[in-house]
């Protein structure tokens, strides 16, 4: 079994836990969301050994202990807030230029 599929005690890993079954989720959700369980993924240090998919308890950076199915060994962070909104990409630059022009017209730059 490769290291990517097996965790040893102390390894940085990610576990997957089911928080709610579809039947227990809010009735106000869109159908495509409501039909799936609510899942959580948590990263931490393995407190034992497990193969991918097996149950494993981890300790998070904050000391919390969480048990779930091993989903990744040595996971990274892949965070995105989606694609940029074209109408907003220039706002910061334009506002700084407007503020600079305002301060210059007031007789002093800040």
C-alpha atoms as a PDB file:
ATOM      1  CA  UNK A   1       0.000   0.000   0.000  1.00  0.00           C
ATOM      2  CA  UNK A   2       1.428   3.411  -0.951  1.00  0.00           C
ATOM      3  CA  UNK A   3       1.982   6.193   1.569  1.00  0.00           C
ATOM      4  CA  UNK A   4      -0.737   8.203  -0.205  1.00  0.00           C
ATOM      5  CA  UNK A   5      -3.253   5.527   0.802  1.00  0.00           C
ATOM      6  CA  UNK A   6      -2.040   4.796   4.349  1.00  0.00           C
ATOM      7  CA  UNK A   7      -1.557   7.009   7.391  1.00  0.00           C
ATOM      8  CA  UNK A   8       0.813   6.357  10.257  1.00  0.00           C
ATOM      9  CA  UNK A   9       0.569   7.838  13.722  1.00  0.00           C
ATOM     10  CA  UNK A  10       1.644  11.489  13.664  1.00  0.00           C
ATOM     11  CA  UNK A  11       1.036  11.992   9.926  1.00  0.00           C
ATOM     12  CA  UNK A  12      -0.786  15.151   8.776  1.00  0.00           C
ATOM     13  CA  UNK A  13      -4.089  13.840   7.422  1.00  0.00           C
ATOM     14  CA  UNK A  14      -7.669  14.713   6.575  1.00  0.00           C
ATOM     15  CA  UNK A  15     -10.752  12.808   7.741  1.00  0.00           C
ATOM     16  CA  UNK A  16     -14.295  12.995   6.397  1.00  0.00           C
ATOM     17  CA  UNK A  17     -17.328  12.900   8.705  1.00  0.00           C
ATOM     18  CA  UNK A  18     -21.041  12.824   7.970  1.00  0.00           C
ATOM     19  CA  UNK A  19     -22.819  15.449  10.089  1.00  0.00           C
ATOM     20  CA  UNK A  20     -26.393  14.975   8.847  1.00  0.00           C
ATOM     21  CA  UNK A  21     -28.211  12.415   6.732  1.00  0.00           C
ATOM     22  CA  UNK A  22     -30.351  13.812   3.890  1.00  0.00           C
ATOM     23  CA  UNK A  23     -33.550  13.182   5.904  1.00  0.00           C
ATOM     24  CA  UNK A  24     -32.214  15.319   8.765  1.00  0.00           C
ATOM     25  CA  UNK A  25     -31.288  18.350   6.639  1.00  0.00           C
ATOM     26  CA  UNK A  26     -33.315  21.559   6.436  1.00  0.00           C
ATOM     27  CA  UNK A  27     -36.420  21.455   4.297  1.00  0.00           C
ATOM     28  CA  UNK A  28     -35.492  24.898   2.859  1.00  0.00           C
ATOM     29  CA  UNK A  29     -32.586  23.573   0.781  1.00  0.00           C
ATOM     30  CA  UNK A  30     -32.621  23.205  -3.010  1.00  0.00           C
ATOM     31  CA  UNK A  31     -33.460  19.586  -3.968  1.00  0.00           C
ATOM     32  CA  UNK A  32     -29.982  18.858  -5.374  1.00  0.00           C
ATOM     33  CA  UNK A  33     -28.482  19.876  -2.012  1.00  0.00           C
ATOM     34  CA  UNK A  34     -31.116  18.302   0.239  1.00  0.00           C
ATOM     35  CA  UNK A  35     -30.620  14.848  -1.300  1.00  0.00           C
ATOM     36  CA  UNK A  36     -26.986  14.711  -0.150  1.00  0.00           C
ATOM     37  CA  UNK A  37     -25.656  14.268   3.400  1.00  0.00           C
ATOM     38  CA  UNK A  38     -23.983  17.243   5.100  1.00  0.00           C
ATOM     39  CA  UNK A  39     -20.276  16.399   5.218  1.00  0.00           C
ATOM     40  CA  UNK A  40     -17.275  17.855   7.033  1.00  0.00           C
ATOM     41  CA  UNK A  41     -13.561  17.477   6.288  1.00  0.00           C
ATOM     42  CA  UNK A  42     -11.053  18.111   9.084  1.00  0.00           C
ATOM     43  CA  UNK A  43      -7.257  18.172   8.979  1.00  0.00           C
ATOM     44  CA  UNK A  44      -5.036  17.110  11.865  1.00  0.00           C
ATOM     45  CA  UNK A  45      -2.439  14.642  13.117  1.00  0.00           C
ATOM     46  CA  UNK A  46      -3.240  10.915  13.001  1.00  0.00           C
ATOM     47  CA  UNK A  47      -3.559   9.282  16.413  1.00  0.00           C
ATOM     48  CA  UNK A  48      -3.159   5.814  14.929  1.00  0.00           C
ATOM     49  CA  UNK A  49      -2.790   4.005  11.629  1.00  0.00           C
ATOM     50  CA  UNK A  50      -5.409   3.605   8.913  1.00  0.00           C
ATOM     51  CA  UNK A  51      -5.834   2.999   5.211  1.00  0.00           C
ATOM     52  CA  UNK A  52      -7.803   5.430   3.067  1.00  0.00           C
ATOM     53  CA  UNK A  53     -11.514   5.015   3.850  1.00  0.00           C
ATOM     54  CA  UNK A  54     -10.913   3.450   7.275  1.00  0.00           C
ATOM     55  CA  UNK A  55     -11.946   5.156  10.507  1.00  0.00           C
ATOM     56  CA  UNK A  56      -9.229   7.233  12.163  1.00  0.00           C
ATOM     57  CA  UNK A  57      -9.092   9.637  15.086  1.00  0.00           C
ATOM     58  CA  UNK A  58      -7.057  12.796  14.592  1.00  0.00           C
ATOM     59  CA  UNK A  59      -5.975  15.693  16.771  1.00  0.00           C
ATOM     60  CA  UNK A  60      -6.409  19.110  15.188  1.00  0.00           C
ATOM     61  CA  UNK A  61      -3.998  22.005  15.580  1.00  0.00           C
ATOM     62  CA  UNK A  62      -6.277  23.344  18.343  1.00  0.00           C
ATOM     63  CA  UNK A  63      -6.214  20.024  20.224  1.00  0.00           C
ATOM     64  CA  UNK A  64      -9.718  18.870  19.270  1.00  0.00           C
ATOM     65  CA  UNK A  65     -10.115  15.143  18.631  1.00  0.00           C
ATOM     66  CA  UNK A  66     -12.227  14.138  15.620  1.00  0.00           C
ATOM     67  CA  UNK A  67     -12.989  10.669  14.266  1.00  0.00           C
ATOM     68  CA  UNK A  68     -13.860  10.054  10.645  1.00  0.00           C
ATOM     69  CA  UNK A  69     -12.908   8.152   7.506  1.00  0.00           C
ATOM     70  CA  UNK A  70      -9.374   8.857   6.303  1.00  0.00           C
ATOM     71  CA  UNK A  71      -9.694  10.843   3.070  1.00  0.00           C
ATOM     72  CA  UNK A  72      -6.154  12.171   2.470  1.00  0.00           C
ATOM     73  CA  UNK A  73      -2.595  11.864   3.723  1.00  0.00           C
ATOM     74  CA  UNK A  74      -0.532  15.058   3.758  1.00  0.00           C
ATOM     75  CA  UNK A  75      -3.391  17.201   2.373  1.00  0.00           C
ATOM     76  CA  UNK A  76      -2.872  20.745   1.209  1.00  0.00           C
ATOM     77  CA  UNK A  77      -5.123  23.778   1.351  1.00  0.00           C
ATOM     78  CA  UNK A  78      -7.077  24.584  -1.795  1.00  0.00           C
ATOM     79  CA  UNK A  79      -9.198  27.636  -1.064  1.00  0.00           C
ATOM     80  CA  UNK A  80     -11.028  29.641  -3.685  1.00  0.00           C
ATOM     81  CA  UNK A  81     -13.682  32.300  -3.539  1.00  0.00           C
ATOM     82  CA  UNK A  82     -14.700  31.664  -7.132  1.00  0.00           C
ATOM     83  CA  UNK A  83     -13.998  33.599 -10.294  1.00  0.00           C
ATOM     84  CA  UNK A  84     -13.442  37.353 -10.060  1.00  0.00           C
ATOM     85  CA  UNK A  85     -16.463  39.521 -10.771  1.00  0.00           C
ATOM     86  CA  UNK A  86     -15.464  41.713 -13.752  1.00  0.00           C
ATOM     87  CA  UNK A  87     -17.482  44.703 -12.506  1.00  0.00           C
ATOM     88  CA  UNK A  88     -15.546  44.682  -9.216  1.00  0.00           C
ATOM     89  CA  UNK A  89     -11.973  43.943 -10.309  1.00  0.00           C
ATOM     90  CA  UNK A  90     -11.119  47.621 -10.916  1.00  0.00           C
ATOM     91  CA  UNK A  91     -12.920  49.116  -7.887  1.00  0.00           C
ATOM     92  CA  UNK A  92      -9.920  49.239  -5.538  1.00  0.00           C
ATOM     93  CA  UNK A  93      -7.626  50.843  -8.101  1.00  0.00           C
ATOM     94  CA  UNK A  94     -10.257  53.385  -9.197  1.00  0.00           C
ATOM     95  CA  UNK A  95     -11.166  54.327  -5.630  1.00  0.00           C
ATOM     96  CA  UNK A  96      -7.503  54.903  -4.704  1.00  0.00           C
ATOM     97  CA  UNK A  97      -7.129  57.171  -7.752  1.00  0.00           C
ATOM     98  CA  UNK A  98     -10.266  59.126  -6.792  1.00  0.00           C
ATOM     99  CA  UNK A  99      -9.061  59.519  -3.196  1.00  0.00           C
ATOM    100  CA  UNK A 100      -5.642  60.714  -4.391  1.00  0.00           C
ATOM    101  CA  UNK A 101      -7.303  63.284  -6.687  1.00  0.00           C
ATOM    102  CA  UNK A 102      -9.544  64.456  -3.835  1.00  0.00           C
ATOM    103  CA  UNK A 103      -6.651  64.837  -1.418  1.00  0.00           C
ATOM    104  CA  UNK A 104      -4.616  66.693  -4.069  1.00  0.00           C
ATOM    105  CA  UNK A 105      -7.493  69.144  -4.645  1.00  0.00           C
ATOM    106  CA  UNK A 106      -7.739  69.773  -0.883  1.00  0.00           C
ATOM    107  CA  UNK A 107      -4.226  71.170  -0.881  1.00  0.00           C
ATOM    108  CA  UNK A 108      -2.286  68.280   0.521  1.00  0.00           C
ATOM    109  CA  UNK A 109      -1.690  64.661  -0.215  1.00  0.00           C
ATOM    110  CA  UNK A 110      -2.127  62.145   2.579  1.00  0.00           C
END
